[in-house]
Amino acid sequence: MSTSTTLYGHLHAWAAQSPDRRLIVEPVGDEHRTVTAAQLLDTATGFAALLREQGVGEGDCVAVWLPSWSDSYAWQFAASAVGAHVIGVNTRYNITEVGHVLHKARPKALVMAHAFQRIDFLTTLHGAITEARSRAGDGFTPPFVIATAAPGAEQDYDAADYDQGAGSCRSTDVPAGASAVDFRLQGDPRTLSVAFTTSGSTGLPKLAAHDEFAVVHHSEQVAARIGFGPADLMVEPLPYSGVFGYVAGMAALFGGAAVLLQAVFNETRLLHAWHEFGGTHFVGADDMLSRLRAAWEAEQLDLDSWRWTGIADFQGMSKEIAAWSAREFGTATGGVYGSSEIFALTSFWTQERPEELRWSGGGTLTSPEYTFRIVDPATEAEVPAGERGEIQFRGPNVVSAYLGDAGEGAKAFTADGWFRSGDLGEAIDDRSYLYVCRIGDVLRLKGFLVDPAEIEMHLAGHPDVEIAKVVGRTAGSGEPEAVAFVSLADTGTATPDDLREYCRASLARYKVPAEVRIIEDMPTVAGTNGAKIRAVTLREWAARPAAEAPGTGTAGVSAPR
């Protein structure tokens, strides 16, 4: 059996080479603290000793239900030290979602936050244990619970309160005398390392797990392609439990850089930390950057250290944000692509690409070991160059296993072993592709496949429009048609009829929305990678008369003509 350096082995090497190297900068109260390589190794080693004391070892799962603290990183390296894998649990998850993770992943240990943001984690845990037991029956064993206070906070709680039947302790209750040489510096590269919950508008998520070779390889490839250096600082307010926050942070560490964490997104506080510590890189969604831009416009702090942004276009604001950051700070911005099942930053665009590609999703594959193809979603036959179809992937970045898989994982793969992304795309060249939209979002209007984003971007070009989102519905004739939901800018006065005329002036007739509804706020869902507009909710509203749908009224509607 071949062996390779483990994640824990890499941390050990960083600490041996440069013990004072800055790895993490994180808030502690109203201040910030720096965590060095030696300090993170010491913390991870203590956590590994605690896991081993509880019998956690090869093949076991450790659920980490924490905000983005340095301890979240330490638990990943600690799990690697004993051959276990981590499943990140979002702090926003409710009883059903946490129960689902416990049922599917069957963690032997659960690391959870104590007294964070007034969230009642303990009540949620009690309910989640009941939920998991109801799903699994008598075969369910609750995890050993390790309670963790915020960085720098007092450890003034009773660990026994967290016992769910298998025991509990505080994260500081580590055995004495543990040494790094006692743990797994080398190991089987195919050992599972980390799992992420998949996102979706319906149903409960799958738990997509990746092996240790994939994590190390991807982190190294992303770091090399971004071009991190020892003085760089990745500004990463996205949760470490999600694939974008995880990959951005790990790539920075593997590239010799450090990570600036923020457990709760606060644009003003992040702006000040970014300015103080000289943030150089950012990976995140356009909604976060829009809020950061508003904070910067109010305070005008120097962000000239900001060199590069990997942006996810969730609300159609990437182009204007890229223009703003380039104008003010000389920042280069590229659209990114990825998912829980193939890793974030599996591809992204670089500056030599034309502007019409640069801020869209997709990009050039990060590693030479990754490949893609574009196929007809119905037949899975490859389509000619320039045609759109489903993007499918092969390579070490593709999910290794689904935790608790009951057979549903096989549906994600073709008979010849390609991973089905469920995304519509178009090949640009042999190594690059354009992401268009989710296949479920594409509209077939008058026989043509139409990306709703094309209509959305046109509407967003109207000076009165802040955000536009287009969904499909079935007309009375049985044919599909487009419905546009629009939120106006503060000074906007455009009517639905105005906006339909605006579309009619430039778009093909079949692309003009059958109806425009003006709403005050878009329905959104907070995910691990940022807030996304809930298209499923808008489809429900579109299917109902405007007077009966939340958020709209007859004054905000134009009838089809």
Protein backbone atom coordinates (compact mmCIF):
# COMPACT_ATOMS: atom_id res chain seq x y z
CA MET A 1 0.00 0.00 0.00
CA SER A 2 1.43 3.38 -1.02
CA THR A 3 1.70 6.12 1.58
CA SER A 4 1.91 9.88 1.37
CA THR A 5 2.22 12.81 3.71
CA THR A 6 -1.03 13.37 5.59
CA LEU A 7 -2.67 16.72 6.28
CA TYR A 8 -1.33 16.44 9.82
CA GLY A 9 2.11 15.61 8.36
CA HIS A 10 2.02 18.78 6.28
CA LEU A 11 1.18 20.88 9.34
CA HIS A 12 4.04 19.19 11.21
CA ALA A 13 6.42 20.06 8.36
CA TRP A 14 5.29 23.71 8.27
CA ALA A 15 5.87 24.03 12.01
CA ALA A 16 9.28 22.34 11.79
CA GLN A 17 10.40 24.61 8.96
CA SER A 18 8.97 27.91 10.25
CA PRO A 19 7.41 27.61 13.71
CA ASP A 20 6.56 31.33 13.82
CA ARG A 21 4.92 31.36 10.39
CA ARG A 22 1.54 33.12 10.53
CA LEU A 23 -1.25 30.70 9.59
CA ILE A 24 -4.45 32.25 10.92
CA VAL A 25 -5.66 35.67 12.05
CA GLU A 26 -8.96 35.58 13.96
CA PRO A 27 -11.08 37.87 16.14
CA VAL A 28 -10.86 37.55 19.91
CA GLY A 29 -13.34 39.92 21.48
CA ASP A 30 -12.68 43.37 20.03
CA GLU A 31 -9.13 42.48 19.02
CA HIS A 32 -7.46 39.91 16.74
CA ARG A 33 -4.89 37.25 17.43
CA THR A 34 -2.39 35.48 15.20
CA VAL A 35 -2.04 31.68 15.30
CA THR A 36 1.38 30.42 14.21
CA ALA A 37 2.25 27.06 12.68
CA ALA A 38 3.72 25.86 15.97
CA GLN A 39 0.62 26.94 17.90
CA LEU A 40 -1.81 25.28 15.46
CA LEU A 41 0.25 22.08 15.53
CA ASP A 42 0.20 22.10 19.33
CA THR A 43 -3.58 22.55 19.38
CA ALA A 44 -4.16 19.87 16.73
CA THR A 45 -1.89 17.43 18.57
CA GLY A 46 -3.83 17.94 21.79
CA PHE A 47 -7.12 17.40 19.95
CA ALA A 48 -5.72 14.25 18.32
CA ALA A 49 -4.78 12.90 21.75
CA LEU A 50 -8.31 13.62 22.96
CA LEU A 51 -9.82 11.81 19.97
CA ARG A 52 -7.56 8.82 20.45
CA GLU A 53 -8.50 8.70 24.14
CA GLN A 54 -12.15 8.33 23.04
CA GLY A 55 -11.32 5.53 20.63
CA VAL A 56 -11.57 7.60 17.45
CA GLY A 57 -9.32 6.13 14.78
CA GLU A 58 -9.04 4.88 11.20
CA GLY A 59 -12.24 5.35 9.24
CA ASP A 60 -14.19 7.08 12.01
CA CYS A 61 -16.08 10.34 11.53
CA VAL A 62 -15.74 13.53 13.57
CA ALA A 63 -18.57 16.05 13.15
CA VAL A 64 -17.38 19.64 13.64
CA TRP A 65 -20.25 22.00 14.43
CA LEU A 66 -18.30 25.21 14.90
CA PRO A 67 -18.09 28.69 13.38
CA SER A 68 -14.95 29.56 11.43
CA TRP A 69 -12.53 29.53 14.35
CA SER A 70 -8.91 28.43 14.26
CA ASP A 71 -10.12 25.38 16.22
CA SER A 72 -12.11 24.35 13.12
CA TYR A 73 -8.81 24.02 11.24
CA ALA A 74 -7.16 22.30 14.20
CA TRP A 75 -9.87 19.62 14.29
CA GLN A 76 -9.32 18.84 10.59
CA PHE A 77 -5.61 18.28 11.19
CA ALA A 78 -6.36 16.33 14.39
CA ALA A 79 -8.73 14.01 12.55
CA SER A 80 -6.01 13.40 9.96
CA ALA A 81 -3.57 12.58 12.77
CA VAL A 82 -5.68 9.57 13.81
CA GLY A 83 -6.96 8.58 10.35
CA ALA A 84 -10.50 9.91 10.84
CA HIS A 85 -12.50 12.20 8.59
CA VAL A 86 -14.42 15.40 9.33
CA ILE A 87 -17.94 16.41 8.37
CA GLY A 88 -18.53 20.13 8.77
CA VAL A 89 -21.92 21.13 10.19
CA ASN A 90 -23.20 24.62 9.44
CA THR A 91 -24.03 26.65 12.55
CA ARG A 92 -27.29 27.72 10.85
CA TYR A 93 -28.58 24.15 10.59
CA ASN A 94 -31.85 23.29 12.31
CA ILE A 95 -32.86 20.12 14.15
CA THR A 96 -33.83 18.22 10.99
CA GLU A 97 -30.60 19.09 9.18
CA VAL A 98 -28.30 18.29 12.11
CA GLY A 99 -30.24 15.08 12.74
CA HIS A 100 -29.80 14.12 9.09
CA VAL A 101 -26.02 14.61 9.32
CA LEU A 102 -25.82 12.55 12.53
CA HIS A 103 -27.89 9.78 10.96
CA LYS A 104 -25.91 9.64 7.71
CA ALA A 105 -22.36 10.31 8.97
CA ARG A 106 -22.64 8.42 12.30
CA PRO A 107 -19.85 10.49 13.90
CA LYS A 108 -18.03 8.88 16.80
CA ALA A 109 -17.31 12.36 18.17
CA LEU A 110 -19.15 15.66 17.79
CA VAL A 111 -17.31 18.93 18.39
CA MET A 112 -19.78 21.73 19.06
CA ALA A 113 -19.75 25.39 20.01
CA HIS A 114 -20.63 26.59 23.47
CA ALA A 115 -22.41 29.97 23.84
CA PHE A 116 -21.99 31.33 20.33
CA GLN A 117 -24.21 34.20 19.13
CA ARG A 118 -26.93 33.25 21.59
CA ILE A 119 -27.67 30.17 19.46
CA ASP A 120 -29.15 27.38 21.56
CA PHE A 121 -26.98 24.60 20.17
CA LEU A 122 -27.81 22.28 23.04
CA THR A 123 -31.56 22.33 22.43
CA THR A 124 -30.93 21.75 18.74
CA LEU A 125 -28.63 18.84 19.59
CA HIS A 126 -31.24 17.19 21.83
CA GLY A 127 -33.77 17.40 19.01
CA ALA A 128 -31.24 16.24 16.41
CA ILE A 129 -30.34 13.15 18.46
CA THR A 130 -34.04 12.28 18.65
CA GLU A 131 -34.37 12.88 14.89
CA ALA A 132 -31.36 10.69 14.08
CA ARG A 133 -32.57 7.91 16.36
CA SER A 134 -36.01 7.95 14.76
CA ARG A 135 -34.39 7.52 11.34
CA ALA A 136 -31.84 4.89 12.32
CA GLY A 137 -33.77 2.94 14.95
CA ASP A 138 -32.04 0.97 17.68
CA GLY A 139 -28.78 0.90 15.70
CA PHE A 140 -28.04 4.56 16.37
CA THR A 141 -25.26 5.38 18.84
CA PRO A 142 -24.97 9.01 19.93
CA PRO A 143 -21.53 10.63 19.57
CA PHE A 144 -19.14 11.59 22.32
CA VAL A 145 -19.59 15.37 22.59
CA ILE A 146 -16.69 17.83 22.86
CA ALA A 147 -17.87 21.33 23.81
CA THR A 148 -15.78 24.28 22.64
CA ALA A 149 -15.87 27.92 23.73
CA ALA A 150 -15.03 30.81 21.42
CA PRO A 151 -11.37 31.82 20.99
CA GLY A 152 -10.16 33.56 24.13
CA ALA A 153 -13.41 32.92 26.05
CA GLU A 154 -13.59 31.50 29.57
CA GLN A 155 -14.09 27.73 29.83
CA ASP A 156 -16.75 28.27 32.51
CA TYR A 157 -19.34 25.64 31.61
CA ASP A 158 -20.14 22.11 32.77
CA ALA A 159 -19.21 19.60 30.08
CA ALA A 160 -21.69 17.12 31.57
CA ASP A 161 -24.53 19.27 30.20
CA TYR A 162 -23.50 18.17 26.70
CA ASP A 163 -23.56 14.41 27.38
CA GLN A 164 -26.01 12.69 25.01
CA GLY A 165 -25.39 9.22 26.39
CA ALA A 166 -21.86 8.51 25.17
CA GLY A 167 -19.97 10.97 27.37
CA SER A 168 -18.70 14.52 26.94
CA CYS A 169 -15.82 16.83 27.78
CA ARG A 170 -14.44 20.28 27.01
CA SER A 171 -11.99 20.79 24.17
CA THR A 172 -9.39 21.89 26.72
CA ASP A 173 -9.55 18.53 28.53
CA VAL A 174 -6.72 17.09 26.44
CA PRO A 175 -4.44 14.33 27.80
CA ALA A 176 -1.01 15.50 28.90
CA GLY A 177 2.21 14.55 27.17
CA ALA A 178 1.02 14.07 23.59
CA SER A 179 3.73 14.44 20.93
CA ALA A 180 3.39 14.90 17.18
CA VAL A 181 5.51 11.81 16.53
CA ASP A 182 2.78 9.72 18.20
CA PHE A 183 0.44 10.40 15.30
CA ARG A 184 -0.05 9.82 11.59
CA LEU A 185 2.53 11.82 9.59
CA GLN A 186 2.30 9.38 6.66
CA GLY A 187 -0.68 7.29 5.64
CA ASP A 188 -2.85 5.74 2.95
CA PRO A 189 -3.75 8.62 0.60
CA ARG A 190 -7.17 7.08 -0.06
CA THR A 191 -8.25 7.50 3.56
CA LEU A 192 -11.32 9.72 3.72
CA SER A 193 -10.47 13.21 4.97
CA VAL A 194 -13.41 15.62 4.75
CA ALA A 195 -17.08 15.64 3.77
CA PHE A 196 -19.35 18.53 2.79
CA THR A 197 -23.11 18.75 2.72
CA THR A 198 -24.37 19.28 -0.80
CA SER A 199 -26.66 22.21 -1.52
CA GLY A 200 -30.04 21.96 -3.18
CA SER A 201 -33.46 23.54 -3.25
CA THR A 202 -35.30 20.36 -2.32
CA GLY A 203 -34.67 17.42 -0.05
CA LEU A 204 -31.95 16.83 2.51
CA PRO A 205 -28.31 17.08 1.46
CA LYS A 206 -25.97 14.27 0.56
CA LEU A 207 -22.65 14.14 2.43
CA ALA A 208 -19.93 14.25 -0.22
CA ALA A 209 -16.62 12.90 1.10
CA HIS A 210 -13.13 13.33 -0.38
CA ASP A 211 -9.99 11.36 0.39
CA GLU A 212 -6.79 12.81 1.79
CA PHE A 213 -4.87 12.69 -1.48
CA ALA A 214 -7.62 14.73 -3.15
CA VAL A 215 -7.59 17.40 -0.41
CA VAL A 216 -3.79 17.79 -0.50
CA HIS A 217 -3.58 17.69 -4.30
CA HIS A 218 -6.39 20.19 -4.81
CA SER A 219 -5.05 22.57 -2.16
CA GLU A 220 -1.59 22.52 -3.75
CA GLN A 221 -2.95 23.01 -7.28
CA VAL A 222 -5.21 25.91 -6.33
CA ALA A 223 -2.39 27.54 -4.36
CA ALA A 224 -0.01 27.30 -7.33
CA ARG A 225 -2.56 28.62 -9.82
CA ILE A 226 -3.52 31.59 -7.65
CA GLY A 227 0.14 32.24 -6.94
CA PHE A 228 0.18 32.68 -3.18
CA GLY A 229 3.31 33.93 -1.45
CA PRO A 230 4.49 33.94 2.18
CA ALA A 231 3.32 37.52 2.83
CA ASP A 232 -0.18 36.94 1.45
CA LEU A 233 -3.40 36.88 3.46
CA MET A 234 -6.59 35.22 2.24
CA VAL A 235 -9.62 37.13 3.55
CA GLU A 236 -12.19 34.38 4.08
CA PRO A 237 -15.45 35.15 5.89
CA LEU A 238 -17.21 32.10 4.40
CA PRO A 239 -17.71 29.18 6.82
CA TYR A 240 -14.94 26.58 6.96
CA SER A 241 -17.71 23.97 7.05
CA GLY A 242 -18.60 24.84 3.45
CA VAL A 243 -16.57 23.85 0.44
CA PHE A 244 -15.68 27.39 -0.71
CA GLY A 245 -14.48 28.55 2.71
CA TYR A 246 -12.63 25.28 3.21
CA VAL A 247 -10.81 25.23 -0.13
CA ALA A 248 -9.89 28.93 -0.02
CA GLY A 249 -8.43 28.54 3.46
CA MET A 250 -6.55 25.30 2.85
CA ALA A 251 -5.14 26.54 -0.46
CA ALA A 252 -3.79 29.63 1.28
CA LEU A 253 -2.04 27.50 3.91
CA PHE A 254 -0.57 25.14 1.30
CA GLY A 255 0.63 28.17 -0.67
CA GLY A 256 2.56 29.56 2.28
CA ALA A 257 0.00 32.29 3.01
CA ALA A 258 -2.30 32.88 5.98
CA VAL A 259 -6.08 33.15 6.44
CA LEU A 260 -8.10 35.98 8.00
CA LEU A 261 -11.21 34.44 9.56
CA GLN A 262 -14.52 35.97 10.57
CA ALA A 263 -16.99 33.78 12.45
CA VAL A 264 -19.94 36.07 11.72
CA PHE A 265 -19.98 38.23 8.63
CA ASN A 266 -19.88 41.90 9.56
CA GLU A 267 -18.78 44.05 6.64
CA THR A 268 -17.56 46.99 8.73
CA ARG A 269 -15.48 44.89 11.09
CA LEU A 270 -14.12 42.85 8.19
CA LEU A 271 -13.20 46.04 6.36
CA HIS A 272 -11.15 47.25 9.35
CA ALA A 273 -9.41 43.88 9.78
CA TRP A 274 -8.68 43.71 6.05
CA HIS A 275 -7.11 47.16 6.22
CA GLU A 276 -5.16 46.45 9.42
CA PHE A 277 -3.68 43.11 8.37
CA GLY A 278 -3.24 43.75 4.64
CA GLY A 279 -5.57 41.24 3.01
CA THR A 280 -4.39 40.28 -0.47
CA HIS A 281 -6.95 37.72 -1.69
CA PHE A 282 -10.66 37.08 -1.32
CA VAL A 283 -12.97 34.21 -2.32
CA GLY A 284 -16.69 34.69 -1.87
CA ALA A 285 -20.03 35.72 -3.26
CA ASP A 286 -21.07 38.99 -4.86
CA ASP A 287 -23.62 39.69 -2.09
CA MET A 288 -20.86 39.79 0.55
CA LEU A 289 -18.69 42.05 -1.59
CA SER A 290 -21.62 44.35 -2.26
CA ARG A 291 -22.02 44.89 1.47
CA LEU A 292 -18.27 45.34 1.86
CA ARG A 293 -18.28 47.97 -0.90
CA ALA A 294 -21.03 49.91 0.92
CA ALA A 295 -18.95 49.82 4.13
CA TRP A 296 -15.86 50.99 2.22
CA GLU A 297 -17.78 53.87 0.62
CA ALA A 298 -18.72 55.03 4.12
CA GLU A 299 -15.18 54.78 5.57
CA GLN A 300 -12.76 54.89 2.58
CA LEU A 301 -10.09 52.70 4.21
CA ASP A 302 -6.98 51.78 2.25
CA LEU A 303 -7.32 48.32 0.67
CA ASP A 304 -4.48 48.71 -1.82
CA SER A 305 -3.05 45.35 -0.70
CA TRP A 306 -6.04 43.59 -2.33
CA ARG A 307 -4.71 41.83 -5.46
CA TRP A 308 -7.15 39.07 -6.44
CA THR A 309 -10.78 38.00 -6.04
CA GLY A 310 -12.44 34.71 -6.90
CA ILE A 311 -16.10 35.65 -7.19
CA ALA A 312 -19.31 33.62 -7.24
CA ASP A 313 -22.12 35.43 -9.00
CA PHE A 314 -25.19 34.72 -6.85
CA GLN A 315 -27.04 38.00 -7.38
CA GLY A 316 -25.76 39.32 -10.71
CA MET A 317 -23.43 41.96 -9.28
CA SER A 318 -20.02 40.48 -10.16
CA LYS A 319 -19.27 42.75 -13.10
CA GLU A 320 -19.87 46.01 -11.24
CA ILE A 321 -17.97 44.79 -8.16
CA ALA A 322 -15.04 43.74 -10.34
CA ALA A 323 -15.02 47.17 -11.98
CA TRP A 324 -15.14 48.93 -8.60
CA SER A 325 -12.28 46.94 -7.03
CA ALA A 326 -10.14 47.28 -10.16
CA ARG A 327 -10.71 51.04 -10.27
CA GLU A 328 -10.06 51.68 -6.59
CA PHE A 329 -7.38 49.10 -5.73
CA GLY A 330 -6.12 47.52 -8.97
CA THR A 331 -7.70 44.18 -8.01
CA ALA A 332 -7.97 41.37 -10.56
CA THR A 333 -11.27 39.43 -10.42
CA GLY A 334 -12.18 36.06 -11.89
CA GLY A 335 -15.35 34.00 -11.79
CA VAL A 336 -15.04 30.64 -10.03
CA TYR A 337 -16.75 27.28 -10.26
CA GLY A 338 -17.09 24.26 -8.02
CA SER A 339 -19.31 22.29 -5.68
CA SER A 340 -19.22 20.07 -2.63
CA GLU A 341 -18.79 17.04 -4.90
CA ILE A 342 -15.92 18.30 -7.07
CA PHE A 343 -14.37 20.93 -4.74
CA ALA A 344 -14.66 24.69 -4.95
CA LEU A 345 -12.23 26.34 -7.37
CA THR A 346 -12.15 23.28 -9.59
CA SER A 347 -11.89 25.97 -12.25
CA PHE A 348 -11.67 29.75 -12.45
CA TRP A 349 -10.96 32.47 -15.00
CA THR A 350 -7.74 34.46 -15.23
CA GLN A 351 -7.12 38.00 -16.43
CA GLU A 352 -6.03 37.18 -19.96
CA ARG A 353 -9.57 36.05 -20.76
CA PRO A 354 -12.04 38.41 -22.46
CA GLU A 355 -14.30 40.38 -20.16
CA GLU A 356 -17.43 38.55 -21.31
CA LEU A 357 -15.97 35.37 -19.77
CA ARG A 358 -13.90 36.69 -16.91
CA TRP A 359 -16.60 37.25 -14.29
CA SER A 360 -18.90 34.40 -15.25
CA GLY A 361 -18.89 30.94 -13.71
CA GLY A 362 -16.68 28.22 -15.15
CA GLY A 363 -13.05 28.78 -16.05
CA THR A 364 -9.94 26.73 -16.73
CA LEU A 365 -9.49 23.50 -14.79
CA THR A 366 -7.16 23.91 -11.81
CA SER A 367 -5.26 20.63 -12.20
CA PRO A 368 -3.98 18.78 -15.27
CA GLU A 369 -5.45 15.64 -13.69
CA TYR A 370 -9.00 17.00 -13.96
CA THR A 371 -11.01 16.55 -17.16
CA PHE A 372 -14.48 17.53 -18.32
CA ARG A 373 -16.87 16.88 -21.18
CA ILE A 374 -20.13 18.46 -22.37
CA VAL A 375 -22.97 16.05 -23.13
CA ASP A 376 -26.59 16.09 -24.16
CA PRO A 377 -28.49 15.74 -20.85
CA ALA A 378 -31.01 13.38 -22.43
CA THR A 379 -28.68 11.02 -24.33
CA GLU A 380 -25.31 11.67 -22.61
CA ALA A 381 -23.70 11.82 -26.04
CA GLU A 382 -20.97 14.44 -26.32
CA VAL A 383 -22.17 17.56 -28.12
CA PRO A 384 -20.24 19.39 -30.86
CA ALA A 385 -17.99 22.29 -29.89
CA GLY A 386 -19.95 25.46 -29.22
CA GLU A 387 -23.13 23.67 -28.17
CA ARG A 388 -24.48 23.58 -24.64
CA GLY A 389 -25.03 20.53 -22.49
CA GLU A 390 -24.34 19.07 -19.07
CA ILE A 391 -20.81 19.51 -17.70
CA GLN A 392 -19.42 16.17 -16.50
CA PHE A 393 -16.13 15.56 -14.68
CA ARG A 394 -13.45 12.99 -14.03
CA GLY A 395 -10.41 13.24 -11.77
CA PRO A 396 -9.23 13.08 -8.18
CA ASN A 397 -11.38 16.13 -7.38
CA VAL A 398 -14.57 14.08 -7.84
CA VAL A 399 -16.34 12.88 -4.69
CA SER A 400 -14.78 9.69 -3.28
CA ALA A 401 -17.86 8.49 -1.37
CA TYR A 402 -21.14 9.60 0.13
CA LEU A 403 -21.38 9.10 3.89
CA GLY A 404 -24.32 6.89 4.78
CA ASP A 405 -24.91 6.17 1.10
CA ALA A 406 -27.99 4.01 0.54
CA GLY A 407 -27.46 3.77 -3.21
CA GLU A 408 -28.30 7.33 -4.16
CA GLY A 409 -24.65 8.14 -4.83
CA ALA A 410 -24.55 5.91 -7.92
CA LYS A 411 -27.10 8.20 -9.61
CA ALA A 412 -24.48 10.95 -9.68
CA PHE A 413 -22.31 8.96 -12.12
CA THR A 414 -22.69 7.79 -15.69
CA ALA A 415 -22.22 4.16 -16.66
CA ASP A 416 -18.71 5.00 -17.90
CA GLY A 417 -17.71 6.78 -14.68
CA TRP A 418 -18.24 10.49 -15.33
CA PHE A 419 -19.67 12.66 -12.55
CA ARG A 420 -22.92 14.40 -13.49
CA SER A 421 -22.73 18.00 -12.30
CA GLY A 422 -26.33 18.90 -13.14
CA ASP A 423 -24.99 22.15 -14.62
CA LEU A 424 -25.48 23.47 -18.14
CA GLY A 425 -22.28 24.61 -19.79
CA GLU A 426 -20.36 25.16 -23.00
CA ALA A 427 -16.76 24.20 -23.80
CA ILE A 428 -14.49 27.15 -24.58
CA ASP A 429 -11.43 24.99 -25.25
CA ASP A 430 -10.07 21.61 -24.12
CA ARG A 431 -9.41 22.84 -20.57
CA SER A 432 -12.01 25.60 -20.11
CA TYR A 433 -15.77 25.87 -20.07
CA LEU A 434 -18.49 28.41 -19.42
CA TYR A 435 -21.03 27.67 -16.69
CA VAL A 436 -24.47 28.76 -17.86
CA CYS A 437 -26.95 27.70 -15.17
CA ARG A 438 -28.39 24.71 -13.37
CA ILE A 439 -30.06 22.42 -15.89
CA GLY A 440 -33.25 22.65 -13.83
CA ASP A 441 -33.23 26.45 -14.26
CA VAL A 442 -32.88 26.57 -18.04
CA LEU A 443 -35.98 27.80 -19.89
CA ARG A 444 -37.28 26.35 -23.15
CA LEU A 445 -39.07 29.27 -24.79
CA LYS A 446 -40.68 28.78 -28.19
CA GLY A 447 -38.42 25.78 -28.70
CA PHE A 448 -35.17 27.59 -27.78
CA LEU A 449 -33.05 26.86 -24.69
CA VAL A 450 -32.65 30.18 -22.86
CA ASP A 451 -30.45 30.96 -19.89
CA PRO A 452 -32.56 33.07 -17.51
CA ALA A 453 -29.40 35.01 -16.58
CA GLU A 454 -29.40 36.57 -20.06
CA ILE A 455 -32.79 38.17 -19.38
CA GLU A 456 -31.77 39.02 -15.80
CA MET A 457 -28.62 40.83 -16.87
CA HIS A 458 -30.55 42.79 -19.46
CA LEU A 459 -33.09 43.89 -16.85
CA ALA A 460 -30.29 44.74 -14.40
CA GLY A 461 -28.95 47.14 -17.02
CA HIS A 462 -31.99 49.35 -16.56
CA PRO A 463 -31.01 52.30 -14.32
CA ASP A 464 -34.03 51.75 -12.02
CA VAL A 465 -33.34 48.03 -11.38
CA GLU A 466 -31.33 46.78 -8.41
CA ILE A 467 -31.79 43.00 -8.80
CA ALA A 468 -33.69 40.85 -11.30
CA LYS A 469 -34.48 37.15 -11.22
CA VAL A 470 -36.24 35.21 -13.96
CA VAL A 471 -38.05 31.89 -13.55
CA GLY A 472 -40.26 29.76 -15.73
CA ARG A 473 -43.88 28.71 -15.44
CA THR A 474 -46.41 26.94 -17.64
CA ALA A 475 -48.83 29.24 -19.46
CA GLY A 476 -52.51 28.51 -19.84
CA SER A 477 -51.73 27.18 -23.32
CA GLY A 478 -49.39 24.61 -21.79
CA GLU A 479 -46.25 26.28 -23.15
CA PRO A 480 -43.43 27.46 -20.85
CA GLU A 481 -42.97 31.20 -20.39
CA ALA A 482 -40.64 33.52 -18.46
CA VAL A 483 -41.66 35.57 -15.43
CA ALA A 484 -39.33 38.30 -14.13
CA PHE A 485 -39.16 39.40 -10.50
CA VAL A 486 -37.50 42.77 -10.01
CA SER A 487 -36.41 44.80 -6.99
CA LEU A 488 -35.99 48.48 -7.83
CA ALA A 489 -33.20 50.76 -6.69
CA ASP A 490 -34.10 53.25 -3.95
CA THR A 491 -34.84 55.98 -6.49
CA GLY A 492 -36.33 53.65 -9.11
CA THR A 493 -39.77 54.47 -10.54
CA ALA A 494 -40.01 52.06 -13.50
CA THR A 495 -43.27 50.17 -13.90
CA PRO A 496 -43.63 46.55 -15.02
CA ASP A 497 -44.81 47.75 -18.42
CA ASP A 498 -41.74 49.99 -18.69
CA LEU A 499 -39.49 47.02 -18.02
CA ARG A 500 -41.22 44.78 -20.56
CA GLU A 501 -40.84 47.51 -23.17
CA TYR A 502 -37.16 47.80 -22.21
CA CYS A 503 -36.74 44.07 -22.86
CA ARG A 504 -38.76 44.18 -26.07
CA ALA A 505 -36.47 46.89 -27.48
CA SER A 506 -33.34 44.70 -27.39
CA LEU A 507 -34.20 41.04 -26.77
CA ALA A 508 -35.62 38.48 -29.16
CA ARG A 509 -39.39 38.39 -28.81
CA TYR A 510 -39.45 34.91 -27.27
CA LYS A 511 -37.08 36.11 -24.50
CA VAL A 512 -39.31 38.99 -23.38
CA PRO A 513 -40.87 38.06 -19.99
CA ALA A 514 -44.56 37.26 -20.22
CA GLU A 515 -44.96 39.08 -16.93
CA VAL A 516 -42.88 41.38 -14.73
CA ARG A 517 -43.52 41.59 -11.00
CA ILE A 518 -41.89 44.27 -8.86
CA ILE A 519 -41.16 43.13 -5.30
CA GLU A 520 -39.48 44.85 -2.38
CA ASP A 521 -37.10 42.03 -1.42
CA MET A 522 -35.99 38.81 -3.06
CA PRO A 523 -36.58 35.62 -1.07
CA THR A 524 -33.15 34.30 -0.12
CA VAL A 525 -31.66 31.33 1.67
CA ALA A 526 -28.43 31.54 3.67
CA GLY A 527 -26.07 28.80 2.61
CA THR A 528 -22.51 27.93 3.53
CA ASN A 529 -21.23 29.90 0.55
CA GLY A 530 -23.40 33.02 0.83
CA ALA A 531 -27.00 34.12 0.42
CA LYS A 532 -28.75 32.82 -2.68
CA ILE A 533 -32.06 33.89 -4.19
CA ARG A 534 -34.59 31.10 -3.75
CA ALA A 535 -35.70 30.40 -7.32
CA VAL A 536 -38.00 27.65 -6.07
CA THR A 537 -39.97 30.24 -4.04
CA LEU A 538 -40.19 32.58 -7.03
CA ARG A 539 -41.50 29.71 -9.18
CA GLU A 540 -44.21 29.11 -6.59
CA TRP A 541 -45.12 32.82 -6.65
CA ALA A 542 -45.09 32.91 -10.46
CA ALA A 543 -47.57 30.04 -10.60
CA ARG A 544 -50.07 32.02 -8.50
CA PRO A 545 -51.97 35.16 -9.43
CA ALA A 546 -49.94 38.20 -8.43
CA ALA A 547 -52.57 39.41 -5.95
CA GLU A 548 -52.26 36.10 -4.05
CA ALA A 549 -48.46 35.81 -4.09
CA PRO A 550 -46.39 37.20 -1.19
CA GLY A 551 -44.31 40.25 -1.98
CA THR A 552 -46.24 41.35 -5.07
CA GLY A 553 -49.44 43.11 -5.84
CA THR A 554 -51.36 44.24 -8.87
CA ALA A 555 -49.47 47.53 -8.88
CA GLY A 556 -46.26 45.62 -9.49
CA VAL A 557 -47.47 43.46 -12.36
CA SER A 558 -47.68 43.78 -16.10
CA ALA A 559 -49.92 41.35 -17.91
CA PRO A 560 -48.71 39.50 -21.04
CA ARG A 561 -49.38 41.22 -24.33
